[in-house]
């Protein structure tokens, strides 16, 4: 069979082929089963701890603020990087932290290469980043952290310590449960980062080292609803 005959057969086959209508209604997914929040908290906390991170449960906004202040002081951070205030699950966090002597460092990174280098250099000494989290995956101790639209990715990647604020109601038993509940999560943001404990590598002589490619300390604050 020569090339022309082959292409003719392909054309005739496509003309006779049946393609289902992409607009046809798809069956509705069954509702997700309910899970015990206390069991999810326990499993998630155990997995994060096994990954060399730590978890603190805050039953009130005041308790969460107190823990953040403690962590900022522990890491010697007079400044911090953070998402926009209205996107964090704690109200008026910047103003509250300012009363304790901590200030937010500007997180906007310009597109101009020279200005970008200068901005990143100025932020390189910041010790702590504060973000929210879209979800927590209990069976692996993983946080799902979006970025884009005033949710700066640098806050979770650049400083040596990352404080993540996660609502307990956003814990899922597994990655599949998260995907089933949030099918468009990856399309709704610029990036969707899956963070399992501090950054780690064993490239050098197979010795595990923390904090090489990202934060060395990961602190998760679980917020009660």
C-alpha atoms as a PDB file:
ATOM      1  CA  UNK A   1       0.000   0.000   0.000  1.00  0.00           C
ATOM      2  CA  UNK A   2       1.405   3.353  -1.005  1.00  0.00           C
ATOM      3  CA  UNK A   3       1.117   6.613   0.929  1.00  0.00           C
ATOM      4  CA  UNK A   4      -1.886   7.935  -1.000  1.00  0.00           C
ATOM      5  CA  UNK A   5      -3.870   4.731  -0.462  1.00  0.00           C
ATOM      6  CA  UNK A   6      -3.042   4.780   3.233  1.00  0.00           C
ATOM      7  CA  UNK A   7      -4.215   8.374   3.682  1.00  0.00           C
ATOM      8  CA  UNK A   8      -7.362   7.611   1.672  1.00  0.00           C
ATOM      9  CA  UNK A   9      -8.210   4.727   3.991  1.00  0.00           C
ATOM     10  CA  UNK A  10      -7.692   6.944   7.017  1.00  0.00           C
ATOM     11  CA  UNK A  11      -9.968   9.614   5.537  1.00  0.00           C
ATOM     12  CA  UNK A  12     -12.700   7.113   4.717  1.00  0.00           C
ATOM     13  CA  UNK A  13     -12.424   5.565   8.165  1.00  0.00           C
ATOM     14  CA  UNK A  14     -12.770   8.924   9.914  1.00  0.00           C
ATOM     15  CA  UNK A  15     -15.796   9.788   7.790  1.00  0.00           C
ATOM     16  CA  UNK A  16     -17.564   6.614   8.891  1.00  0.00           C
ATOM     17  CA  UNK A  17     -16.442   6.730  12.512  1.00  0.00           C
ATOM     18  CA  UNK A  18     -18.811   7.506  15.380  1.00  0.00           C
ATOM     19  CA  UNK A  19     -17.733  10.224  17.813  1.00  0.00           C
ATOM     20  CA  UNK A  20     -19.921  10.703  20.898  1.00  0.00           C
ATOM     21  CA  UNK A  21     -21.276  14.200  21.424  1.00  0.00           C
ATOM     22  CA  UNK A  22     -18.913  15.964  23.847  1.00  0.00           C
ATOM     23  CA  UNK A  23     -21.855  18.096  24.950  1.00  0.00           C
ATOM     24  CA  UNK A  24     -23.900  15.108  26.027  1.00  0.00           C
ATOM     25  CA  UNK A  25     -24.830  15.053  29.681  1.00  0.00           C
ATOM     26  CA  UNK A  26     -22.523  13.061  31.879  1.00  0.00           C
ATOM     27  CA  UNK A  27     -23.820  11.050  34.786  1.00  0.00           C
ATOM     28  CA  UNK A  28     -23.853  12.944  38.058  1.00  0.00           C
ATOM     29  CA  UNK A  29     -21.173  11.799  40.477  1.00  0.00           C
ATOM     30  CA  UNK A  30     -22.517  10.360  43.720  1.00  0.00           C
ATOM     31  CA  UNK A  31     -22.142  12.586  46.784  1.00  0.00           C
ATOM     32  CA  UNK A  32     -18.966  12.137  48.783  1.00  0.00           C
ATOM     33  CA  UNK A  33     -19.394  10.191  52.002  1.00  0.00           C
ATOM     34  CA  UNK A  34     -18.992  12.024  55.300  1.00  0.00           C
ATOM     35  CA  UNK A  35     -15.795  11.446  57.237  1.00  0.00           C
ATOM     36  CA  UNK A  36     -15.006  11.889  60.898  1.00  0.00           C
ATOM     37  CA  UNK A  37     -13.149  15.231  61.216  1.00  0.00           C
ATOM     38  CA  UNK A  38     -11.382  14.119  64.392  1.00  0.00           C
ATOM     39  CA  UNK A  39     -10.012  11.032  62.639  1.00  0.00           C
ATOM     40  CA  UNK A  40      -8.822  13.134  59.692  1.00  0.00           C
ATOM     41  CA  UNK A  41      -7.087  15.591  62.028  1.00  0.00           C
ATOM     42  CA  UNK A  42      -5.362  12.746  63.848  1.00  0.00           C
ATOM     43  CA  UNK A  43      -4.175  11.037  60.655  1.00  0.00           C
ATOM     44  CA  UNK A  44      -3.100  14.257  58.942  1.00  0.00           C
ATOM     45  CA  UNK A  45      -1.194  15.416  62.036  1.00  0.00           C
ATOM     46  CA  UNK A  46       0.596  12.075  62.361  1.00  0.00           C
ATOM     47  CA  UNK A  47       1.667  12.104  58.716  1.00  0.00           C
ATOM     48  CA  UNK A  48       2.895  15.716  58.817  1.00  0.00           C
ATOM     49  CA  UNK A  49       4.875  14.953  61.973  1.00  0.00           C
ATOM     50  CA  UNK A  50       6.417  11.882  60.329  1.00  0.00           C
ATOM     51  CA  UNK A  51       7.550  14.175  57.509  1.00  0.00           C
ATOM     52  CA  UNK A  52       9.345  16.452  60.022  1.00  0.00           C
ATOM     53  CA  UNK A  53       6.661  19.126  59.969  1.00  0.00           C
ATOM     54  CA  UNK A  54       4.457  20.123  62.872  1.00  0.00           C
ATOM     55  CA  UNK A  55       0.743  20.720  63.373  1.00  0.00           C
ATOM     56  CA  UNK A  56      -1.040  22.979  65.832  1.00  0.00           C
ATOM     57  CA  UNK A  57      -4.819  22.980  66.244  1.00  0.00           C
ATOM     58  CA  UNK A  58      -6.335  26.394  66.953  1.00  0.00           C
ATOM     59  CA  UNK A  59      -9.923  26.344  68.167  1.00  0.00           C
ATOM     60  CA  UNK A  60     -10.187  30.148  68.063  1.00  0.00           C
ATOM     61  CA  UNK A  61      -8.697  32.933  65.905  1.00  0.00           C
ATOM     62  CA  UNK A  62      -6.958  34.261  69.019  1.00  0.00           C
ATOM     63  CA  UNK A  63      -5.213  30.924  69.560  1.00  0.00           C
ATOM     64  CA  UNK A  64      -4.103  30.861  65.913  1.00  0.00           C
ATOM     65  CA  UNK A  65      -2.742  34.416  66.169  1.00  0.00           C
ATOM     66  CA  UNK A  66      -0.875  33.562  69.354  1.00  0.00           C
ATOM     67  CA  UNK A  67       0.765  30.592  67.639  1.00  0.00           C
ATOM     68  CA  UNK A  68       1.766  32.657  64.588  1.00  0.00           C
ATOM     69  CA  UNK A  69       3.320  35.327  66.840  1.00  0.00           C
ATOM     70  CA  UNK A  70       5.216  32.592  68.684  1.00  0.00           C
ATOM     71  CA  UNK A  71       6.520  31.065  65.456  1.00  0.00           C
ATOM     72  CA  UNK A  72       7.596  34.425  64.019  1.00  0.00           C
ATOM     73  CA  UNK A  73       9.543  35.119  67.201  1.00  0.00           C
ATOM     74  CA  UNK A  74      11.013  31.606  67.192  1.00  0.00           C
ATOM     75  CA  UNK A  75      12.391  32.131  63.678  1.00  0.00           C
ATOM     76  CA  UNK A  76      13.627  35.658  64.431  1.00  0.00           C
ATOM     77  CA  UNK A  77      11.369  37.180  61.781  1.00  0.00           C
ATOM     78  CA  UNK A  78      10.664  40.888  62.026  1.00  0.00           C
ATOM     79  CA  UNK A  79       9.206  40.723  58.504  1.00  0.00           C
ATOM     80  CA  UNK A  80       7.282  37.974  56.728  1.00  0.00           C
ATOM     81  CA  UNK A  81       5.910  37.187  53.277  1.00  0.00           C
ATOM     82  CA  UNK A  82       2.182  36.493  53.039  1.00  0.00           C
ATOM     83  CA  UNK A  83      -0.786  36.217  50.736  1.00  0.00           C
ATOM     84  CA  UNK A  84      -3.144  39.173  50.507  1.00  0.00           C
ATOM     85  CA  UNK A  85      -4.867  39.640  53.856  1.00  0.00           C
ATOM     86  CA  UNK A  86      -8.402  39.001  52.575  1.00  0.00           C
ATOM     87  CA  UNK A  87      -7.332  35.646  51.112  1.00  0.00           C
ATOM     88  CA  UNK A  88      -6.052  34.262  54.408  1.00  0.00           C
ATOM     89  CA  UNK A  89      -8.521  32.415  56.670  1.00  0.00           C
ATOM     90  CA  UNK A  90      -7.732  34.704  59.622  1.00  0.00           C
ATOM     91  CA  UNK A  91      -9.321  38.180  59.577  1.00  0.00           C
ATOM     92  CA  UNK A  92      -7.079  41.260  59.750  1.00  0.00           C
ATOM     93  CA  UNK A  93      -3.951  39.179  60.242  1.00  0.00           C
ATOM     94  CA  UNK A  94      -1.514  41.886  59.092  1.00  0.00           C
ATOM     95  CA  UNK A  95      -2.975  44.482  61.418  1.00  0.00           C
ATOM     96  CA  UNK A  96      -2.952  42.036  64.314  1.00  0.00           C
ATOM     97  CA  UNK A  97       0.678  41.052  63.667  1.00  0.00           C
ATOM     98  CA  UNK A  98       1.661  44.714  63.344  1.00  0.00           C
ATOM     99  CA  UNK A  99       0.548  45.296  66.930  1.00  0.00           C
ATOM    100  CA  UNK A 100       3.131  42.663  67.941  1.00  0.00           C
ATOM    101  CA  UNK A 101       5.921  44.334  65.956  1.00  0.00           C
ATOM    102  CA  UNK A 102       5.842  42.210  62.769  1.00  0.00           C
ATOM    103  CA  UNK A 103       5.393  43.660  59.285  1.00  0.00           C
ATOM    104  CA  UNK A 104       4.521  42.155  55.901  1.00  0.00           C
ATOM    105  CA  UNK A 105       7.180  42.432  53.188  1.00  0.00           C
ATOM    106  CA  UNK A 106       5.853  43.362  49.691  1.00  0.00           C
ATOM    107  CA  UNK A 107       5.328  40.209  47.648  1.00  0.00           C
ATOM    108  CA  UNK A 108       4.683  41.627  44.167  1.00  0.00           C
ATOM    109  CA  UNK A 109       7.440  40.531  41.755  1.00  0.00           C
ATOM    110  CA  UNK A 110       7.873  42.797  38.679  1.00  0.00           C
ATOM    111  CA  UNK A 111       8.293  41.415  35.174  1.00  0.00           C
ATOM    112  CA  UNK A 112      11.361  43.528  34.320  1.00  0.00           C
ATOM    113  CA  UNK A 113      14.412  41.255  34.786  1.00  0.00           C
ATOM    114  CA  UNK A 114      16.572  43.791  36.632  1.00  0.00           C
ATOM    115  CA  UNK A 115      13.745  44.883  38.929  1.00  0.00           C
ATOM    116  CA  UNK A 116      12.815  41.241  39.458  1.00  0.00           C
ATOM    117  CA  UNK A 117      16.334  40.355  40.602  1.00  0.00           C
ATOM    118  CA  UNK A 118      16.385  43.336  42.949  1.00  0.00           C
ATOM    119  CA  UNK A 119      12.991  42.415  44.431  1.00  0.00           C
ATOM    120  CA  UNK A 120      13.959  38.774  44.969  1.00  0.00           C
ATOM    121  CA  UNK A 121      17.272  39.781  46.493  1.00  0.00           C
ATOM    122  CA  UNK A 122      15.497  42.078  48.946  1.00  0.00           C
ATOM    123  CA  UNK A 123      13.141  39.245  49.936  1.00  0.00           C
ATOM    124  CA  UNK A 124      15.851  36.607  50.254  1.00  0.00           C
ATOM    125  CA  UNK A 125      16.444  37.380  53.914  1.00  0.00           C
ATOM    126  CA  UNK A 126      12.812  36.973  54.969  1.00  0.00           C
ATOM    127  CA  UNK A 127      12.599  34.051  57.396  1.00  0.00           C
ATOM    128  CA  UNK A 128       8.881  33.193  57.360  1.00  0.00           C
ATOM    129  CA  UNK A 129       6.112  32.907  54.767  1.00  0.00           C
ATOM    130  CA  UNK A 130       2.420  32.707  55.643  1.00  0.00           C
ATOM    131  CA  UNK A 131      -0.184  31.217  53.305  1.00  0.00           C
ATOM    132  CA  UNK A 132      -3.559  29.599  53.345  1.00  0.00           C
ATOM    133  CA  UNK A 133      -4.158  26.124  51.940  1.00  0.00           C
ATOM    134  CA  UNK A 134      -6.891  24.839  49.680  1.00  0.00           C
ATOM    135  CA  UNK A 135      -6.871  21.394  51.271  1.00  0.00           C
ATOM    136  CA  UNK A 136      -5.009  18.850  53.354  1.00  0.00           C
ATOM    137  CA  UNK A 137      -4.614  15.192  52.336  1.00  0.00           C
ATOM    138  CA  UNK A 138      -4.792  13.081  55.487  1.00  0.00           C
ATOM    139  CA  UNK A 139      -3.205   9.833  54.295  1.00  0.00           C
ATOM    140  CA  UNK A 140      -0.001  11.526  53.127  1.00  0.00           C
ATOM    141  CA  UNK A 141       0.172  14.682  55.263  1.00  0.00           C
ATOM    142  CA  UNK A 142       0.103  16.762  52.078  1.00  0.00           C
ATOM    143  CA  UNK A 143      -1.122  20.339  51.765  1.00  0.00           C
ATOM    144  CA  UNK A 144      -2.639  21.644  48.542  1.00  0.00           C
ATOM    145  CA  UNK A 145      -1.483  25.249  48.206  1.00  0.00           C
ATOM    146  CA  UNK A 146      -2.643  27.352  45.223  1.00  0.00           C
ATOM    147  CA  UNK A 147      -0.839  30.397  43.874  1.00  0.00           C
ATOM    148  CA  UNK A 148      -1.671  33.334  41.635  1.00  0.00           C
ATOM    149  CA  UNK A 149      -4.168  36.216  41.967  1.00  0.00           C
ATOM    150  CA  UNK A 150      -2.543  37.740  45.101  1.00  0.00           C
ATOM    151  CA  UNK A 151      -1.619  34.326  46.457  1.00  0.00           C
ATOM    152  CA  UNK A 152       2.121  34.709  45.969  1.00  0.00           C
ATOM    153  CA  UNK A 153       3.963  31.430  45.455  1.00  0.00           C
ATOM    154  CA  UNK A 154       7.131  32.864  47.008  1.00  0.00           C
ATOM    155  CA  UNK A 155       5.503  32.865  50.443  1.00  0.00           C
ATOM    156  CA  UNK A 156       5.491  29.058  50.489  1.00  0.00           C
ATOM    157  CA  UNK A 157       8.804  28.509  48.691  1.00  0.00           C
ATOM    158  CA  UNK A 158      11.361  31.221  49.458  1.00  0.00           C
ATOM    159  CA  UNK A 159      11.573  31.658  53.268  1.00  0.00           C
ATOM    160  CA  UNK A 160      13.152  28.924  55.412  1.00  0.00           C
ATOM    161  CA  UNK A 161       9.901  28.548  57.382  1.00  0.00           C
ATOM    162  CA  UNK A 162       6.389  28.161  55.970  1.00  0.00           C
ATOM    163  CA  UNK A 163       3.287  28.696  58.117  1.00  0.00           C
ATOM    164  CA  UNK A 164       0.168  27.288  56.457  1.00  0.00           C
ATOM    165  CA  UNK A 165      -3.329  28.088  57.688  1.00  0.00           C
ATOM    166  CA  UNK A 166      -5.729  25.237  56.920  1.00  0.00           C
ATOM    167  CA  UNK A 167      -9.361  24.839  57.922  1.00  0.00           C
ATOM    168  CA  UNK A 168     -10.242  21.446  59.368  1.00  0.00           C
ATOM    169  CA  UNK A 169     -13.248  21.189  57.072  1.00  0.00           C
ATOM    170  CA  UNK A 170     -10.843  21.202  54.122  1.00  0.00           C
ATOM    171  CA  UNK A 171      -9.175  17.925  55.141  1.00  0.00           C
ATOM    172  CA  UNK A 172      -9.722  14.959  52.805  1.00  0.00           C
ATOM    173  CA  UNK A 173      -8.883  11.292  53.396  1.00  0.00           C
ATOM    174  CA  UNK A 174      -6.929  10.929  50.146  1.00  0.00           C
ATOM    175  CA  UNK A 175      -5.910  12.696  46.948  1.00  0.00           C
ATOM    176  CA  UNK A 176      -8.736  10.999  45.065  1.00  0.00           C
ATOM    177  CA  UNK A 177     -11.286  12.378  47.534  1.00  0.00           C
ATOM    178  CA  UNK A 178      -9.847  15.871  47.051  1.00  0.00           C
ATOM    179  CA  UNK A 179      -9.994  15.596  43.252  1.00  0.00           C
ATOM    180  CA  UNK A 180     -13.564  14.296  43.356  1.00  0.00           C
ATOM    181  CA  UNK A 181     -14.633  17.254  45.494  1.00  0.00           C
ATOM    182  CA  UNK A 182     -12.577  19.844  43.543  1.00  0.00           C
ATOM    183  CA  UNK A 183     -12.520  18.731  39.880  1.00  0.00           C
ATOM    184  CA  UNK A 184     -11.520  22.177  38.548  1.00  0.00           C
ATOM    185  CA  UNK A 185      -8.956  23.033  41.229  1.00  0.00           C
ATOM    186  CA  UNK A 186      -5.961  22.951  38.879  1.00  0.00           C
ATOM    187  CA  UNK A 187      -7.701  25.074  36.244  1.00  0.00           C
ATOM    188  CA  UNK A 188      -8.829  27.757  38.670  1.00  0.00           C
ATOM    189  CA  UNK A 189      -5.347  28.932  39.726  1.00  0.00           C
ATOM    190  CA  UNK A 190      -1.962  29.723  38.214  1.00  0.00           C
ATOM    191  CA  UNK A 191      -0.248  26.854  40.058  1.00  0.00           C
ATOM    192  CA  UNK A 192      -1.383  24.112  42.402  1.00  0.00           C
ATOM    193  CA  UNK A 193       1.406  22.997  44.706  1.00  0.00           C
ATOM    194  CA  UNK A 194       1.326  19.755  46.696  1.00  0.00           C
ATOM    195  CA  UNK A 195       3.530  20.183  49.762  1.00  0.00           C
ATOM    196  CA  UNK A 196       4.429  17.192  51.915  1.00  0.00           C
ATOM    197  CA  UNK A 197       6.553  18.426  54.797  1.00  0.00           C
ATOM    198  CA  UNK A 198       9.796  20.408  54.525  1.00  0.00           C
ATOM    199  CA  UNK A 199      11.828  20.393  51.317  1.00  0.00           C
ATOM    200  CA  UNK A 200      14.199  17.440  51.248  1.00  0.00           C
ATOM    201  CA  UNK A 201      16.831  15.766  49.100  1.00  0.00           C
ATOM    202  CA  UNK A 202      19.224  12.834  49.414  1.00  0.00           C
ATOM    203  CA  UNK A 203      21.223  13.535  46.249  1.00  0.00           C
ATOM    204  CA  UNK A 204      24.496  14.026  48.131  1.00  0.00           C
ATOM    205  CA  UNK A 205      25.854  10.676  49.351  1.00  0.00           C
ATOM    206  CA  UNK A 206      22.264   9.507  49.981  1.00  0.00           C
ATOM    207  CA  UNK A 207      22.138  11.667  53.122  1.00  0.00           C
ATOM    208  CA  UNK A 208      18.724  13.192  53.763  1.00  0.00           C
ATOM    209  CA  UNK A 209      18.982  16.982  53.993  1.00  0.00           C
ATOM    210  CA  UNK A 210      16.072  19.314  54.731  1.00  0.00           C
ATOM    211  CA  UNK A 211      15.547  22.793  53.311  1.00  0.00           C
ATOM    212  CA  UNK A 212      17.644  22.537  50.149  1.00  0.00           C
ATOM    213  CA  UNK A 213      14.992  23.397  47.542  1.00  0.00           C
ATOM    214  CA  UNK A 214      12.463  25.146  49.766  1.00  0.00           C
ATOM    215  CA  UNK A 215      11.436  25.654  53.394  1.00  0.00           C
ATOM    216  CA  UNK A 216      13.246  23.670  56.060  1.00  0.00           C
ATOM    217  CA  UNK A 217      10.398  24.162  58.541  1.00  0.00           C
ATOM    218  CA  UNK A 218       6.710  23.605  57.792  1.00  0.00           C
ATOM    219  CA  UNK A 219       4.166  24.612  60.427  1.00  0.00           C
ATOM    220  CA  UNK A 220       0.509  23.803  59.816  1.00  0.00           C
ATOM    221  CA  UNK A 221      -2.118  25.595  61.890  1.00  0.00           C
ATOM    222  CA  UNK A 222      -5.461  23.774  61.722  1.00  0.00           C
ATOM    223  CA  UNK A 223      -8.348  26.196  62.153  1.00  0.00           C
ATOM    224  CA  UNK A 224     -11.592  25.000  63.680  1.00  0.00           C
ATOM    225  CA  UNK A 225     -14.744  26.032  61.808  1.00  0.00           C
END
